[in-house]
C-alpha atoms as a PDB file:
ATOM      1  CA  UNK A   1      58.955 -10.109  10.032  1.00  0.00           C
ATOM      2  CA  UNK A   2      56.606  -8.439  12.461  1.00  0.00           C
ATOM      3  CA  UNK A   3      57.008  -4.701  12.943  1.00  0.00           C
ATOM      4  CA  UNK A   4      55.800  -2.595  15.794  1.00  0.00           C
ATOM      5  CA  UNK A   5      52.677  -0.579  15.060  1.00  0.00           C
ATOM      6  CA  UNK A   6      53.413   3.109  14.903  1.00  0.00           C
ATOM      7  CA  UNK A   7      51.153   6.070  15.664  1.00  0.00           C
ATOM      8  CA  UNK A   8      48.016   6.045  13.553  1.00  0.00           C
ATOM      9  CA  UNK A   9      48.549   2.406  12.536  1.00  0.00           C
ATOM     10  CA  UNK A  10      45.549   0.137  12.941  1.00  0.00           C
ATOM     11  CA  UNK A  11      46.835  -2.459  15.404  1.00  0.00           C
ATOM     12  CA  UNK A  12      43.601  -4.459  15.578  1.00  0.00           C
ATOM     13  CA  UNK A  13      43.555  -7.921  14.018  1.00  0.00           C
ATOM     14  CA  UNK A  14      42.459  -7.934  10.409  1.00  0.00           C
ATOM     15  CA  UNK A  15      41.004 -11.439  10.400  1.00  0.00           C
ATOM     16  CA  UNK A  16      37.248 -11.655  10.559  1.00  0.00           C
ATOM     17  CA  UNK A  17      35.813 -13.443  13.614  1.00  0.00           C
ATOM     18  CA  UNK A  18      34.294 -16.841  12.900  1.00  0.00           C
ATOM     19  CA  UNK A  19      30.576 -17.267  12.304  1.00  0.00           C
ATOM     20  CA  UNK A  20      30.249 -18.957  15.676  1.00  0.00           C
ATOM     21  CA  UNK A  21      31.931 -16.056  17.456  1.00  0.00           C
ATOM     22  CA  UNK A  22      29.714 -13.540  15.658  1.00  0.00           C
ATOM     23  CA  UNK A  23      26.582 -15.548  16.430  1.00  0.00           C
ATOM     24  CA  UNK A  24      27.418 -16.031  20.112  1.00  0.00           C
ATOM     25  CA  UNK A  25      28.450 -12.385  20.462  1.00  0.00           C
ATOM     26  CA  UNK A  26      25.158 -11.201  18.957  1.00  0.00           C
ATOM     27  CA  UNK A  27      23.103 -13.438  21.221  1.00  0.00           C
ATOM     28  CA  UNK A  28      24.999 -12.218  24.289  1.00  0.00           C
ATOM     29  CA  UNK A  29      24.523  -8.552  23.373  1.00  0.00           C
ATOM     30  CA  UNK A  30      20.780  -9.128  22.920  1.00  0.00           C
ATOM     31  CA  UNK A  31      20.553 -11.173  26.119  1.00  0.00           C
ATOM     32  CA  UNK A  32      22.085  -8.252  28.005  1.00  0.00           C
ATOM     33  CA  UNK A  33      19.806  -5.665  26.417  1.00  0.00           C
ATOM     34  CA  UNK A  34      16.709  -5.658  24.228  1.00  0.00           C
ATOM     35  CA  UNK A  35      16.377  -9.389  23.794  1.00  0.00           C
ATOM     36  CA  UNK A  36      15.913  -9.667  27.541  1.00  0.00           C
ATOM     37  CA  UNK A  37      13.477  -6.753  27.391  1.00  0.00           C
ATOM     38  CA  UNK A  38      11.482  -8.689  24.789  1.00  0.00           C
ATOM     39  CA  UNK A  39      11.139 -11.693  27.103  1.00  0.00           C
ATOM     40  CA  UNK A  40      10.184  -9.413  29.989  1.00  0.00           C
ATOM     41  CA  UNK A  41       7.562  -7.681  27.836  1.00  0.00           C
ATOM     42  CA  UNK A  42       6.097 -11.051  26.794  1.00  0.00           C
ATOM     43  CA  UNK A  43       5.742 -12.142  30.414  1.00  0.00           C
ATOM     44  CA  UNK A  44       4.144  -8.786  31.247  1.00  0.00           C
ATOM     45  CA  UNK A  45       1.716  -9.173  28.333  1.00  0.00           C
ATOM     46  CA  UNK A  46       0.712 -12.679  29.422  1.00  0.00           C
ATOM     47  CA  UNK A  47       0.036 -11.300  32.881  1.00  0.00           C
ATOM     48  CA  UNK A  48      -2.124  -8.524  31.435  1.00  0.00           C
ATOM     49  CA  UNK A  49      -4.262 -10.740  29.168  1.00  0.00           C
ATOM     50  CA  UNK A  50      -4.854 -13.280  31.935  1.00  0.00           C
ATOM     51  CA  UNK A  51      -5.857 -10.625  34.466  1.00  0.00           C
ATOM     52  CA  UNK A  52      -9.587  -9.930  34.898  1.00  0.00           C
ATOM     53  CA  UNK A  53     -10.782  -6.928  32.881  1.00  0.00           C
ATOM     54  CA  UNK A  54      -9.885  -5.569  29.463  1.00  0.00           C
ATOM     55  CA  UNK A  55      -6.455  -4.416  28.380  1.00  0.00           C
ATOM     56  CA  UNK A  56      -7.497  -0.772  28.049  1.00  0.00           C
ATOM     57  CA  UNK A  57      -8.532  -0.792  31.723  1.00  0.00           C
ATOM     58  CA  UNK A  58      -4.955  -1.633  32.694  1.00  0.00           C
ATOM     59  CA  UNK A  59      -1.978   0.704  32.566  1.00  0.00           C
ATOM     60  CA  UNK A  60       1.580   0.360  31.287  1.00  0.00           C
ATOM     61  CA  UNK A  61       3.614   2.921  33.211  1.00  0.00           C
ATOM     62  CA  UNK A  62       6.972   4.238  32.017  1.00  0.00           C
ATOM     63  CA  UNK A  63       9.391   6.592  33.791  1.00  0.00           C
ATOM     64  CA  UNK A  64       8.047   6.094  37.297  1.00  0.00           C
ATOM     65  CA  UNK A  65       9.517   7.288  40.572  1.00  0.00           C
ATOM     66  CA  UNK A  66      12.232   5.061  42.011  1.00  0.00           C
ATOM     67  CA  UNK A  67      12.113   6.635  45.486  1.00  0.00           C
ATOM     68  CA  UNK A  68       8.747   8.318  46.149  1.00  0.00           C
ATOM     69  CA  UNK A  69       8.952  11.262  48.512  1.00  0.00           C
ATOM     70  CA  UNK A  70      12.776  11.417  48.307  1.00  0.00           C
ATOM     71  CA  UNK A  71      13.534  13.595  45.256  1.00  0.00           C
ATOM     72  CA  UNK A  72      17.336  13.614  45.456  1.00  0.00           C
ATOM     73  CA  UNK A  73      17.543   9.866  45.920  1.00  0.00           C
ATOM     74  CA  UNK A  74      14.999   9.479  43.143  1.00  0.00           C
ATOM     75  CA  UNK A  75      17.140  11.627  40.843  1.00  0.00           C
ATOM     76  CA  UNK A  76      20.197   9.499  41.626  1.00  0.00           C
ATOM     77  CA  UNK A  77      18.286   6.325  40.712  1.00  0.00           C
ATOM     78  CA  UNK A  78      16.938   7.886  37.508  1.00  0.00           C
ATOM     79  CA  UNK A  79      20.407   8.911  36.321  1.00  0.00           C
ATOM     80  CA  UNK A  80      21.866   5.563  37.346  1.00  0.00           C
ATOM     81  CA  UNK A  81      19.205   3.743  35.341  1.00  0.00           C
ATOM     82  CA  UNK A  82      19.818   5.869  32.256  1.00  0.00           C
ATOM     83  CA  UNK A  83      23.590   5.393  32.441  1.00  0.00           C
ATOM     84  CA  UNK A  84      23.514   1.630  32.998  1.00  0.00           C
ATOM     85  CA  UNK A  85      20.993   1.136  30.186  1.00  0.00           C
ATOM     86  CA  UNK A  86      23.658   2.442  27.780  1.00  0.00           C
ATOM     87  CA  UNK A  87      26.282  -0.123  28.801  1.00  0.00           C
ATOM     88  CA  UNK A  88      25.271  -2.490  25.946  1.00  0.00           C
ATOM     89  CA  UNK A  89      26.001   0.336  23.494  1.00  0.00           C
ATOM     90  CA  UNK A  90      29.484   0.659  25.013  1.00  0.00           C
ATOM     91  CA  UNK A  91      29.857  -3.109  24.607  1.00  0.00           C
ATOM     92  CA  UNK A  92      28.889  -2.861  20.929  1.00  0.00           C
ATOM     93  CA  UNK A  93      31.474  -0.096  20.452  1.00  0.00           C
ATOM     94  CA  UNK A  94      34.096  -2.339  22.053  1.00  0.00           C
ATOM     95  CA  UNK A  95      33.182  -5.304  19.855  1.00  0.00           C
ATOM     96  CA  UNK A  96      33.390  -3.141  16.742  1.00  0.00           C
ATOM     97  CA  UNK A  97      36.846  -1.968  17.814  1.00  0.00           C
ATOM     98  CA  UNK A  98      37.933  -5.601  17.805  1.00  0.00           C
ATOM     99  CA  UNK A  99      37.308  -5.533  14.046  1.00  0.00           C
ATOM    100  CA  UNK A 100      39.188  -2.290  13.613  1.00  0.00           C
ATOM    101  CA  UNK A 101      35.855  -0.470  13.296  1.00  0.00           C
ATOM    102  CA  UNK A 102      33.846   1.887  15.500  1.00  0.00           C
ATOM    103  CA  UNK A 103      30.360   3.340  15.850  1.00  0.00           C
ATOM    104  CA  UNK A 104      31.006   5.511  12.806  1.00  0.00           C
ATOM    105  CA  UNK A 105      30.700   2.287  10.810  1.00  0.00           C
ATOM    106  CA  UNK A 106      27.010   2.290  11.797  1.00  0.00           C
ATOM    107  CA  UNK A 107      26.569   5.964  10.990  1.00  0.00           C
ATOM    108  CA  UNK A 108      26.469   7.024  14.635  1.00  0.00           C
ATOM    109  CA  UNK A 109      28.757  10.050  14.745  1.00  0.00           C
ATOM    110  CA  UNK A 110      28.779  13.833  14.346  1.00  0.00           C
ATOM    111  CA  UNK A 111      30.009  14.014  10.765  1.00  0.00           C
ATOM    112  CA  UNK A 112      26.591  14.937   9.276  1.00  0.00           C
ATOM    113  CA  UNK A 113      24.652  16.729  12.029  1.00  0.00           C
ATOM    114  CA  UNK A 114      22.309  18.841   9.916  1.00  0.00           C
ATOM    115  CA  UNK A 115      21.194  16.125   7.473  1.00  0.00           C
ATOM    116  CA  UNK A 116      20.690  13.769  10.418  1.00  0.00           C
ATOM    117  CA  UNK A 117      18.644  16.371  12.301  1.00  0.00           C
ATOM    118  CA  UNK A 118      16.571  17.271   9.259  1.00  0.00           C
ATOM    119  CA  UNK A 119      15.814  13.706   8.262  1.00  0.00           C
ATOM    120  CA  UNK A 120      15.110  12.714  11.854  1.00  0.00           C
ATOM    121  CA  UNK A 121      12.668  15.578  12.325  1.00  0.00           C
ATOM    122  CA  UNK A 122      10.729  14.607   9.192  1.00  0.00           C
ATOM    123  CA  UNK A 123      10.567  10.948  10.254  1.00  0.00           C
ATOM    124  CA  UNK A 124       9.365  11.926  13.733  1.00  0.00           C
ATOM    125  CA  UNK A 125       6.650  14.201  12.342  1.00  0.00           C
ATOM    126  CA  UNK A 126       5.262  11.488  10.066  1.00  0.00           C
ATOM    127  CA  UNK A 127       5.481   8.581  12.505  1.00  0.00           C
ATOM    128  CA  UNK A 128       4.409  10.659  15.506  1.00  0.00           C
ATOM    129  CA  UNK A 129       1.145  11.842  13.969  1.00  0.00           C
ATOM    130  CA  UNK A 130       0.162   8.413  12.649  1.00  0.00           C
ATOM    131  CA  UNK A 131       1.362   6.706  15.823  1.00  0.00           C
ATOM    132  CA  UNK A 132      -0.928   8.704  18.094  1.00  0.00           C
ATOM    133  CA  UNK A 133      -3.932   7.951  15.909  1.00  0.00           C
ATOM    134  CA  UNK A 134      -3.033   4.261  15.773  1.00  0.00           C
ATOM    135  CA  UNK A 135      -2.611   4.046  19.564  1.00  0.00           C
ATOM    136  CA  UNK A 136      -5.964   5.707  20.258  1.00  0.00           C
ATOM    137  CA  UNK A 137      -7.685   3.407  17.750  1.00  0.00           C
ATOM    138  CA  UNK A 138      -6.246   0.109  19.008  1.00  0.00           C
ATOM    139  CA  UNK A 139      -6.819   1.086  22.628  1.00  0.00           C
ATOM    140  CA  UNK A 140     -10.476   1.895  21.948  1.00  0.00           C
ATOM    141  CA  UNK A 141     -10.809  -1.551  20.328  1.00  0.00           C
ATOM    142  CA  UNK A 142      -9.382  -3.180  23.454  1.00  0.00           C
ATOM    143  CA  UNK A 143      -6.069  -4.335  21.950  1.00  0.00           C
ATOM    144  CA  UNK A 144      -3.814  -2.098  24.004  1.00  0.00           C
ATOM    145  CA  UNK A 145      -3.201  -1.105  27.580  1.00  0.00           C
ATOM    146  CA  UNK A 146      -3.448   2.551  28.552  1.00  0.00           C
ATOM    147  CA  UNK A 147       0.115   3.800  28.183  1.00  0.00           C
ATOM    148  CA  UNK A 148       1.269   6.241  30.843  1.00  0.00           C
ATOM    149  CA  UNK A 149       4.547   7.602  29.425  1.00  0.00           C
ATOM    150  CA  UNK A 150       5.580   9.295  32.641  1.00  0.00           C
ATOM    151  CA  UNK A 151       4.557   9.228  36.286  1.00  0.00           C
ATOM    152  CA  UNK A 152       7.312  11.249  37.916  1.00  0.00           C
ATOM    153  CA  UNK A 153       6.721  13.693  40.759  1.00  0.00           C
ATOM    154  CA  UNK A 154       6.490  17.411  40.028  1.00  0.00           C
ATOM    155  CA  UNK A 155      10.139  18.221  40.819  1.00  0.00           C
ATOM    156  CA  UNK A 156      12.625  20.492  39.049  1.00  0.00           C
ATOM    157  CA  UNK A 157      14.485  17.648  37.348  1.00  0.00           C
ATOM    158  CA  UNK A 158      11.398  15.940  35.918  1.00  0.00           C
ATOM    159  CA  UNK A 159      11.580  17.181  32.329  1.00  0.00           C
ATOM    160  CA  UNK A 160      15.399  17.089  31.991  1.00  0.00           C
ATOM    161  CA  UNK A 161      15.311  13.445  33.125  1.00  0.00           C
ATOM    162  CA  UNK A 162      12.512  12.646  30.668  1.00  0.00           C
ATOM    163  CA  UNK A 163      14.570  14.157  27.834  1.00  0.00           C
ATOM    164  CA  UNK A 164      17.629  12.140  28.892  1.00  0.00           C
ATOM    165  CA  UNK A 165      15.478   9.002  29.066  1.00  0.00           C
ATOM    166  CA  UNK A 166      14.224   9.665  25.547  1.00  0.00           C
ATOM    167  CA  UNK A 167      17.792  10.037  24.264  1.00  0.00           C
ATOM    168  CA  UNK A 168      18.886   6.884  26.064  1.00  0.00           C
ATOM    169  CA  UNK A 169      16.039   4.851  24.557  1.00  0.00           C
ATOM    170  CA  UNK A 170      16.876   6.126  21.083  1.00  0.00           C
ATOM    171  CA  UNK A 171      20.607   5.434  21.256  1.00  0.00           C
ATOM    172  CA  UNK A 172      20.151   1.977  22.777  1.00  0.00           C
ATOM    173  CA  UNK A 173      17.480   0.811  20.366  1.00  0.00           C
ATOM    174  CA  UNK A 174      18.772   2.227  17.090  1.00  0.00           C
ATOM    175  CA  UNK A 175      22.423   1.335  17.623  1.00  0.00           C
ATOM    176  CA  UNK A 176      21.649  -2.245  18.686  1.00  0.00           C
ATOM    177  CA  UNK A 177      18.418  -3.211  16.903  1.00  0.00           C
ATOM    178  CA  UNK A 178      19.238  -1.524  13.598  1.00  0.00           C
ATOM    179  CA  UNK A 179      22.935  -0.750  13.138  1.00  0.00           C
ATOM    180  CA  UNK A 180      24.632  -3.522  15.098  1.00  0.00           C
ATOM    181  CA  UNK A 181      22.114  -6.313  14.550  1.00  0.00           C
ATOM    182  CA  UNK A 182      21.861  -5.753  10.797  1.00  0.00           C
ATOM    183  CA  UNK A 183      25.653  -5.644  10.473  1.00  0.00           C
ATOM    184  CA  UNK A 184      26.037  -8.933  12.309  1.00  0.00           C
ATOM    185  CA  UNK A 185      23.197 -10.642  10.431  1.00  0.00           C
ATOM    186  CA  UNK A 186      24.730  -9.516   7.135  1.00  0.00           C
ATOM    187  CA  UNK A 187      28.063 -10.963   8.237  1.00  0.00           C
ATOM    188  CA  UNK A 188      26.306 -14.218   9.147  1.00  0.00           C
ATOM    189  CA  UNK A 189      24.879 -14.443   5.654  1.00  0.00           C
ATOM    190  CA  UNK A 190      21.220 -13.676   6.397  1.00  0.00           C
ATOM    191  CA  UNK A 191      19.089 -12.515   3.496  1.00  0.00           C
ATOM    192  CA  UNK A 192      18.177  -8.784   3.689  1.00  0.00           C
ATOM    193  CA  UNK A 193      14.446  -9.541   3.976  1.00  0.00           C
ATOM    194  CA  UNK A 194      15.002 -12.027   6.798  1.00  0.00           C
ATOM    195  CA  UNK A 195      17.265  -9.585   8.643  1.00  0.00           C
ATOM    196  CA  UNK A 196      14.637  -6.857   8.225  1.00  0.00           C
ATOM    197  CA  UNK A 197      11.990  -9.155   9.710  1.00  0.00           C
ATOM    198  CA  UNK A 198      14.229 -10.140  12.637  1.00  0.00           C
ATOM    199  CA  UNK A 199      15.054  -6.532  13.517  1.00  0.00           C
ATOM    200  CA  UNK A 200      11.432  -5.400  13.203  1.00  0.00           C
ATOM    201  CA  UNK A 201       9.966  -8.278  15.226  1.00  0.00           C
ATOM    202  CA  UNK A 202      12.590  -7.729  17.928  1.00  0.00           C
ATOM    203  CA  UNK A 203      11.567  -4.056  18.121  1.00  0.00           C
ATOM    204  CA  UNK A 204       7.933  -5.065  18.415  1.00  0.00           C
ATOM    205  CA  UNK A 205       8.683  -7.736  21.038  1.00  0.00           C
ATOM    206  CA  UNK A 206      10.019  -5.408  23.710  1.00  0.00           C
ATOM    207  CA  UNK A 207       6.973  -3.154  23.283  1.00  0.00           C
ATOM    208  CA  UNK A 208       4.550  -6.040  23.804  1.00  0.00           C
ATOM    209  CA  UNK A 209       3.995  -4.939  27.405  1.00  0.00           C
ATOM    210  CA  UNK A 210       1.792  -2.209  25.889  1.00  0.00           C
ATOM    211  CA  UNK A 211      -0.435  -4.761  24.153  1.00  0.00           C
ATOM    212  CA  UNK A 212      -1.007  -5.992  20.611  1.00  0.00           C
ATOM    213  CA  UNK A 213      -1.107  -2.428  19.310  1.00  0.00           C
ATOM    214  CA  UNK A 214       2.296  -1.648  20.792  1.00  0.00           C
ATOM    215  CA  UNK A 215       3.735  -4.758  19.163  1.00  0.00           C
ATOM    216  CA  UNK A 216       2.235  -4.188  15.708  1.00  0.00           C
ATOM    217  CA  UNK A 217       2.933  -0.448  15.636  1.00  0.00           C
ATOM    218  CA  UNK A 218       6.582  -0.955  16.512  1.00  0.00           C
ATOM    219  CA  UNK A 219       7.033  -3.781  14.017  1.00  0.00           C
ATOM    220  CA  UNK A 220       5.835  -1.389  11.306  1.00  0.00           C
ATOM    221  CA  UNK A 221       8.137   1.321  12.633  1.00  0.00           C
ATOM    222  CA  UNK A 222      10.965  -1.215  12.582  1.00  0.00           C
ATOM    223  CA  UNK A 223      10.360  -2.006   8.915  1.00  0.00           C
ATOM    224  CA  UNK A 224      10.492   1.707   8.056  1.00  0.00           C
ATOM    225  CA  UNK A 225      13.638   2.287  10.119  1.00  0.00           C
ATOM    226  CA  UNK A 226      15.478  -0.689   8.598  1.00  0.00           C
ATOM    227  CA  UNK A 227      14.540   0.444   5.096  1.00  0.00           C
ATOM    228  CA  UNK A 228      15.797   3.957   5.811  1.00  0.00           C
ATOM    229  CA  UNK A 229      19.004   2.615   7.354  1.00  0.00           C
ATOM    230  CA  UNK A 230      19.666   0.481   4.288  1.00  0.00           C
ATOM    231  CA  UNK A 231      19.060   3.522   2.118  1.00  0.00           C
ATOM    232  CA  UNK A 232      21.165   6.031   4.087  1.00  0.00           C
ATOM    233  CA  UNK A 233      23.673   3.781   5.855  1.00  0.00           C
ATOM    234  CA  UNK A 234      23.309   5.821   9.047  1.00  0.00           C
ATOM    235  CA  UNK A 235      21.574   5.322  12.378  1.00  0.00           C
ATOM    236  CA  UNK A 236      22.055   9.028  13.165  1.00  0.00           C
ATOM    237  CA  UNK A 237      18.719  10.166  11.648  1.00  0.00           C
ATOM    238  CA  UNK A 238      16.940   7.266  13.367  1.00  0.00           C
ATOM    239  CA  UNK A 239      18.359   8.246  16.749  1.00  0.00           C
ATOM    240  CA  UNK A 240      17.176  11.821  16.182  1.00  0.00           C
ATOM    241  CA  UNK A 241      13.701  10.659  15.128  1.00  0.00           C
ATOM    242  CA  UNK A 242      13.353   8.246  18.037  1.00  0.00           C
ATOM    243  CA  UNK A 243      14.540  10.864  20.522  1.00  0.00           C
ATOM    244  CA  UNK A 244      11.991  13.391  19.249  1.00  0.00           C
ATOM    245  CA  UNK A 245       9.198  10.795  19.318  1.00  0.00           C
ATOM    246  CA  UNK A 246       9.944   9.850  22.914  1.00  0.00           C
ATOM    247  CA  UNK A 247      10.339  13.459  24.027  1.00  0.00           C
ATOM    248  CA  UNK A 248       6.951  14.169  22.472  1.00  0.00           C
ATOM    249  CA  UNK A 249       5.428  11.197  24.286  1.00  0.00           C
ATOM    250  CA  UNK A 250       7.082  11.741  27.680  1.00  0.00           C
ATOM    251  CA  UNK A 251       7.028  15.523  27.923  1.00  0.00           C
ATOM    252  CA  UNK A 252       3.777  15.857  25.982  1.00  0.00           C
ATOM    253  CA  UNK A 253       1.999  13.494  28.344  1.00  0.00           C
ATOM    254  CA  UNK A 254       3.383  15.320  31.370  1.00  0.00           C
ATOM    255  CA  UNK A 255       2.069  18.631  30.056  1.00  0.00           C
ATOM    256  CA  UNK A 256      -1.292  17.439  28.673  1.00  0.00           C
ATOM    257  CA  UNK A 257      -2.464  14.599  30.916  1.00  0.00           C
ATOM    258  CA  UNK A 258      -5.724  15.548  32.590  1.00  0.00           C
ATOM    259  CA  UNK A 259      -5.988  18.762  30.567  1.00  0.00           C
ATOM    260  CA  UNK A 260      -7.296  17.386  27.264  1.00  0.00           C
ATOM    261  CA  UNK A 261     -10.118  14.901  26.933  1.00  0.00           C
ATOM    262  CA  UNK A 262      -8.674  12.903  24.004  1.00  0.00           C
ATOM    263  CA  UNK A 263      -5.599  11.682  25.918  1.00  0.00           C
ATOM    264  CA  UNK A 264      -6.338   8.530  27.981  1.00  0.00           C
ATOM    265  CA  UNK A 265      -5.003   8.507  31.534  1.00  0.00           C
ATOM    266  CA  UNK A 266      -4.862   5.764  34.129  1.00  0.00           C
END
């Protein structure tokens, strides 16, 4: 006899979705988010390598103005872009709810703020210092475009928007490429090493617009992040680390570009 679910009762179906449903769902989530970004980055890279001149003489610009000369309209477009980029994360949350789960299952919650902050800060410090050195080296060898992390006008909302963009990148990438993707690949029966490779190569793929260095550096970062996620069972520290890395890149470039001779500019 079926009884009506009372308050606090989990009313979601207990049966596990079929392998086909899980596979198709995963492909759709990626097609709507970072999988599509990977294809876009590949096309951009092909365009760069087939263009006359070396890669380091070309620029990959991030966080550019969407309405030059119209700051309020520009701000509206910036906030709209940040908000819509997080829709795939909302979709992942919805799909987890179908299983009777939520984002806490991936370790994306506020239950352990201080450990997440501490671990994330340490990760960012280690990866950030080595990442800058790696970027400068591969660019000097001609394997990378000149990355321009921000090209926004000097308006009052510039740095708040850059910080929000950094947070958006971190949440989108770590929730989908690490937490969600690894969960689904585990459910599909993938070996841990194969799942690690898939997640890491996907991370590298959507950074290919920066050049070979951007691809390789992010594949390595992906391996580290997957290993840490397997160890801790939480994407929280990874979101913190990624946010700090991107804030350092976006805000740091805005403050230092043209003022120090070691930082390449376009």
